[in-house]
Amino acid sequence: MNQQPNNPLHGLTLETIVTRLVEYYHWQGLAERIPINCFAKDPSIKSSLKFLRKTQWARDKVEALYISTFASSNPWLK
């Protein structure tokens, strides 16, 4: 198994990342921070995952938001 101690997303699935962000911000708050239709119009985890898996720039924004949001709960990210 390849260890990635400097990768804060190591071991997290995209589904886990999106689900945790939705729990924290709710769909409306997420759409305000990352204005993409899969968060703003009839949002669901399934449709968001489908879009994010095909659209790298949007996935990068979601991952960056996850890191900035939850960095304080991960002491090694400080």
N, C-alpha and C. Protein backbone atom coordinates (compact mmCIF):
# COMPACT_ATOMS: atom_id res chain seq x y z
N MET A 1 0.84 -1.19 0.00
CA MET A 1 0.00 0.00 0.00
C MET A 1 0.89 1.25 0.00
N ASN A 2 0.55 2.21 -0.81
CA ASN A 2 1.33 3.43 -0.94
C ASN A 2 0.88 4.44 0.11
N GLN A 3 1.80 4.88 0.95
CA GLN A 3 1.48 5.87 1.98
C GLN A 3 1.62 7.27 1.38
N GLN A 4 0.70 8.15 1.72
CA GLN A 4 0.72 9.52 1.24
C GLN A 4 0.51 10.46 2.43
N PRO A 5 1.51 10.60 3.29
CA PRO A 5 1.32 11.38 4.51
C PRO A 5 1.06 12.86 4.27
N ASN A 6 1.42 13.40 3.13
CA ASN A 6 1.22 14.82 2.86
C ASN A 6 -0.04 15.11 2.04
N ASN A 7 -0.84 14.09 1.79
CA ASN A 7 -2.06 14.25 1.00
C ASN A 7 -3.25 14.23 1.96
N PRO A 8 -3.87 15.39 2.21
CA PRO A 8 -4.98 15.44 3.16
C PRO A 8 -6.22 14.69 2.69
N LEU A 9 -6.29 14.36 1.41
CA LEU A 9 -7.45 13.65 0.89
C LEU A 9 -7.22 12.15 0.77
N HIS A 10 -6.04 11.70 1.15
CA HIS A 10 -5.71 10.28 1.06
C HIS A 10 -6.70 9.45 1.85
N GLY A 11 -7.27 8.46 1.21
CA GLY A 11 -8.20 7.56 1.86
C GLY A 11 -9.65 8.03 1.83
N LEU A 12 -9.90 9.22 1.30
CA LEU A 12 -11.27 9.73 1.21
C LEU A 12 -11.81 9.53 -0.20
N THR A 13 -13.03 9.06 -0.29
CA THR A 13 -13.67 8.96 -1.60
C THR A 13 -14.31 10.29 -1.94
N LEU A 14 -14.57 10.50 -3.21
CA LEU A 14 -15.25 11.72 -3.64
C LEU A 14 -16.64 11.77 -3.01
N GLU A 15 -17.28 10.64 -2.88
CA GLU A 15 -18.61 10.60 -2.25
C GLU A 15 -18.55 11.07 -0.80
N THR A 16 -17.53 10.66 -0.07
CA THR A 16 -17.36 11.09 1.32
C THR A 16 -17.13 12.59 1.39
N ILE A 17 -16.32 13.11 0.49
CA ILE A 17 -16.01 14.55 0.46
C ILE A 17 -17.28 15.35 0.20
N VAL A 18 -18.04 14.98 -0.83
CA VAL A 18 -19.26 15.71 -1.17
C VAL A 18 -20.29 15.59 -0.05
N THR A 19 -20.46 14.40 0.48
CA THR A 19 -21.44 14.19 1.55
C THR A 19 -21.11 15.03 2.77
N ARG A 20 -19.86 15.06 3.15
CA ARG A 20 -19.47 15.84 4.33
C ARG A 20 -19.65 17.34 4.09
N LEU A 21 -19.34 17.81 2.88
CA LEU A 21 -19.55 19.22 2.56
C LEU A 21 -21.04 19.58 2.57
N VAL A 22 -21.88 18.69 2.07
CA VAL A 22 -23.33 18.93 2.08
C VAL A 22 -23.85 18.96 3.51
N GLU A 23 -23.36 18.06 4.35
CA GLU A 23 -23.78 18.06 5.75
C GLU A 23 -23.37 19.35 6.45
N TYR A 24 -22.24 19.89 6.08
CA TYR A 24 -21.71 21.09 6.72
C TYR A 24 -22.35 22.37 6.19
N TYR A 25 -22.40 22.51 4.85
CA TYR A 25 -22.88 23.74 4.22
C TYR A 25 -24.33 23.66 3.73
N HIS A 26 -24.86 22.47 3.56
CA HIS A 26 -26.14 22.23 2.89
C HIS A 26 -25.98 22.60 1.42
N TRP A 27 -26.93 22.19 0.60
CA TRP A 27 -26.79 22.40 -0.84
C TRP A 27 -26.69 23.88 -1.21
N GLN A 28 -27.52 24.71 -0.58
CA GLN A 28 -27.52 26.14 -0.93
C GLN A 28 -26.17 26.78 -0.61
N GLY A 29 -25.63 26.49 0.54
CA GLY A 29 -24.34 27.05 0.92
C GLY A 29 -23.21 26.55 0.03
N LEU A 30 -23.31 25.31 -0.37
CA LEU A 30 -22.31 24.74 -1.27
C LEU A 30 -22.39 25.42 -2.65
N ALA A 31 -23.61 25.64 -3.12
CA ALA A 31 -23.80 26.30 -4.42
C ALA A 31 -23.32 27.74 -4.38
N GLU A 32 -23.41 28.40 -3.23
CA GLU A 32 -22.91 29.76 -3.11
C GLU A 32 -21.38 29.80 -3.17
N ARG A 33 -20.74 28.79 -2.62
CA ARG A 33 -19.28 28.75 -2.59
C ARG A 33 -18.69 28.23 -3.90
N ILE A 34 -19.39 27.29 -4.52
CA ILE A 34 -18.96 26.73 -5.81
C ILE A 34 -20.18 26.76 -6.73
N PRO A 35 -20.33 27.81 -7.52
CA PRO A 35 -21.54 27.98 -8.32
C PRO A 35 -21.58 27.08 -9.56
N ILE A 36 -22.01 25.85 -9.34
CA ILE A 36 -22.20 24.92 -10.46
C ILE A 36 -23.61 24.35 -10.34
N ASN A 37 -24.19 24.03 -11.47
CA ASN A 37 -25.59 23.60 -11.50
C ASN A 37 -25.87 22.34 -10.70
N CYS A 38 -24.94 21.44 -10.62
CA CYS A 38 -25.21 20.20 -9.89
C CYS A 38 -25.41 20.45 -8.40
N PHE A 39 -24.99 21.61 -7.90
CA PHE A 39 -25.23 21.98 -6.51
C PHE A 39 -26.44 22.90 -6.38
N ALA A 40 -26.80 23.61 -7.44
CA ALA A 40 -27.83 24.65 -7.35
C ALA A 40 -29.21 24.18 -7.82
N LYS A 41 -29.26 23.35 -8.83
CA LYS A 41 -30.54 22.96 -9.43
C LYS A 41 -30.80 21.48 -9.23
N ASP A 42 -31.80 21.18 -8.43
CA ASP A 42 -32.19 19.80 -8.13
C ASP A 42 -30.99 18.94 -7.74
N PRO A 43 -30.26 19.36 -6.69
CA PRO A 43 -29.02 18.68 -6.34
C PRO A 43 -29.24 17.30 -5.71
N SER A 44 -28.29 16.43 -5.97
CA SER A 44 -28.25 15.12 -5.32
C SER A 44 -26.79 14.68 -5.30
N ILE A 45 -26.49 13.80 -4.40
CA ILE A 45 -25.13 13.25 -4.33
C ILE A 45 -24.80 12.56 -5.64
N LYS A 46 -25.72 11.74 -6.13
CA LYS A 46 -25.48 10.97 -7.35
C LYS A 46 -25.17 11.87 -8.55
N SER A 47 -25.99 12.91 -8.77
CA SER A 47 -25.75 13.78 -9.92
C SER A 47 -24.46 14.59 -9.76
N SER A 48 -24.17 14.97 -8.53
CA SER A 48 -22.94 15.72 -8.27
C SER A 48 -21.71 14.86 -8.55
N LEU A 49 -21.75 13.62 -8.08
CA LEU A 49 -20.62 12.72 -8.31
C LEU A 49 -20.40 12.48 -9.80
N LYS A 50 -21.49 12.31 -10.53
CA LYS A 50 -21.38 12.08 -11.98
C LYS A 50 -20.69 13.26 -12.66
N PHE A 51 -21.11 14.49 -12.30
CA PHE A 51 -20.51 15.69 -12.89
C PHE A 51 -19.06 15.85 -12.46
N LEU A 52 -18.79 15.71 -11.18
CA LEU A 52 -17.45 15.95 -10.66
C LEU A 52 -16.43 14.94 -11.17
N ARG A 53 -16.88 13.72 -11.43
CA ARG A 53 -15.96 12.71 -11.97
C ARG A 53 -15.56 13.01 -13.41
N LYS A 54 -16.39 13.77 -14.12
CA LYS A 54 -16.09 14.12 -15.51
C LYS A 54 -15.47 15.49 -15.66
N THR A 55 -15.50 16.31 -14.62
CA THR A 55 -15.10 17.71 -14.74
C THR A 55 -14.03 18.03 -13.70
N GLN A 56 -12.77 17.97 -14.12
CA GLN A 56 -11.65 18.08 -13.19
C GLN A 56 -11.59 19.43 -12.48
N TRP A 57 -11.87 20.53 -13.20
CA TRP A 57 -11.77 21.85 -12.56
C TRP A 57 -12.78 21.97 -11.41
N ALA A 58 -13.96 21.40 -11.59
CA ALA A 58 -14.98 21.46 -10.53
C ALA A 58 -14.57 20.56 -9.35
N ARG A 59 -14.03 19.41 -9.67
CA ARG A 59 -13.56 18.51 -8.61
C ARG A 59 -12.44 19.17 -7.81
N ASP A 60 -11.54 19.86 -8.50
CA ASP A 60 -10.45 20.56 -7.81
C ASP A 60 -11.00 21.59 -6.82
N LYS A 61 -12.05 22.32 -7.24
CA LYS A 61 -12.65 23.31 -6.35
C LYS A 61 -13.31 22.66 -5.14
N VAL A 62 -13.97 21.55 -5.35
CA VAL A 62 -14.62 20.82 -4.25
C VAL A 62 -13.57 20.31 -3.27
N GLU A 63 -12.50 19.74 -3.79
CA GLU A 63 -11.44 19.23 -2.92
C GLU A 63 -10.76 20.37 -2.15
N ALA A 64 -10.55 21.50 -2.80
CA ALA A 64 -9.94 22.64 -2.13
C ALA A 64 -10.85 23.18 -1.03
N LEU A 65 -12.16 23.22 -1.28
CA LEU A 65 -13.10 23.67 -0.26
C LEU A 65 -13.11 22.70 0.92
N TYR A 66 -13.05 21.42 0.63
CA TYR A 66 -13.01 20.42 1.70
C TYR A 66 -11.79 20.63 2.59
N ILE A 67 -10.65 20.82 1.98
CA ILE A 67 -9.41 21.01 2.74
C ILE A 67 -9.49 22.29 3.57
N SER A 68 -9.94 23.38 2.96
CA SER A 68 -9.99 24.64 3.71
C SER A 68 -11.04 24.60 4.82
N THR A 69 -12.11 23.87 4.61
CA THR A 69 -13.18 23.79 5.60
C THR A 69 -12.79 22.94 6.79
N PHE A 70 -12.18 21.81 6.53
CA PHE A 70 -11.93 20.85 7.60
C PHE A 70 -10.47 20.80 8.05
N ALA A 71 -9.65 21.73 7.60
CA ALA A 71 -8.23 21.73 7.98
C ALA A 71 -8.06 21.88 9.48
N SER A 72 -8.92 22.66 10.13
CA SER A 72 -8.77 22.87 11.58
C SER A 72 -9.05 21.61 12.37
N SER A 73 -9.82 20.68 11.80
CA SER A 73 -10.10 19.43 12.51
C SER A 73 -9.02 18.38 12.27
N ASN A 74 -8.07 18.70 11.39
CA ASN A 74 -6.95 17.80 11.12
C ASN A 74 -5.66 18.49 11.53
N PRO A 75 -5.14 18.22 12.70
CA PRO A 75 -3.99 18.96 13.19
C PRO A 75 -2.75 18.88 12.29
N TRP A 76 -2.59 17.83 11.53
CA TRP A 76 -1.41 17.71 10.66
C TRP A 76 -1.52 18.59 9.44
N LEU A 77 -2.68 19.21 9.17
CA LEU A 77 -2.83 20.12 8.04
C LEU A 77 -2.46 21.55 8.39
N LYS A 78 -2.29 21.85 9.66
CA LYS A 78 -2.00 23.22 10.07
C LYS A 78 -0.63 23.65 9.65
